[in-house]
């Protein structure tokens, strides 16, 4: 017996088939055309993250986000389109990439030494409409910056870098810091920018504990600000925190906020900070290259493809709930699992535990829209030098 279907029934049948064939958000339909290992990025999810940043901050003008996570001009442009005009950079190459987009202000979140001081001045001369600023925690560097800027007739905005517990860079907000702040105010060709306070060491899973530690760590900073202002000087801006303490500092309207990882979000942060409403927007594509034994699978996801400075697991493999990492080398990642593992040649998707150094390992990313790779973006600022 032959059956005929109405147009309405055909449409419903097609809809049901399409629904059954729907893939997970990270999967790509044209995966057979994409080499592995590769890094995939999802613009719709990046936009969600940018919108969430602004929602937490209250407005785009309070944001001074870091670009070290993505190193992509397209993501900078996306943020500019949302009204974000200030950016933080870790390298001169990142600063040049952002300057080409046309930001208003760029902060070098790293105390510059050696030839990098001259490179910064080259940037200032090339992009005179942009206000470039640097971090300082040393009288020697403050004097060197001033001398170099005066020699070339430019001005550099300098932020005093405060150490309120991380003990990586910066200076405790006490007597020596006060003298450096005064020096910044006195030296020629330096413009006092304010204070930079990064508390990346605060990573407690419990938000209440994280908030308490953040607030406690900032008490010395507030006392320091009172001391400065009591002597007739001003603290124009306080740039505070990173991604982990971003929601805490956002509660204080006099602080400028500088999250970074939130643009792409990684599995490390999403595991530690589940209350933060950001989406994973970067995924590694890998393939099975060997099944060397029972329960063993070798993936083409070596040190050259996923950041290897973290303890294992360094990647969350989607669809595999439990696995043990046996070896990780330049080109290979060998895992062991009691679950059914994919056959040789099968693709797998993984979310890095640390996205920032993972991006640096890839010269390009594959852009995914509607579960299909539609473009590639060069990771421009993974280079140490672009032109300057």
Foldseek 3Di string as FASTA:
>chain_A
DDDDDDPVVVVVVVVVVCVVPDDPPQFFPVVVVDDPFFKEFEVVQLLVLLVLLCVLLVHQDLAAAEALQQLFLVSLLSNVVRVNQHYEYQALLSVVSNVVSPGAEYEHADQDDDCRLVSVVVVCVVRVNHAYEYEDADLVSLQVSLVVCVVVVAAYEYAQEDELDPPPDGHHLDDSSLVSQVVLVPRPRYHHAAHEYEDPVQQALDVVVSLVVVVVSCPSVVVSQVVQVVVPHHGNAYEYYEVRCQSNCSVPNRHRYYYYCLSQPFPQNCVSHVVRPHDHGMKTKWFFADQPDVQKTKIQCACLQFPDPDPPPQKAKPPADDWAWDDGHHGITMIGDPDDDDDGGDMIMITGSRSSVNSLSDQKHFYDDPSHGDDIGGSRSSDNDDPD
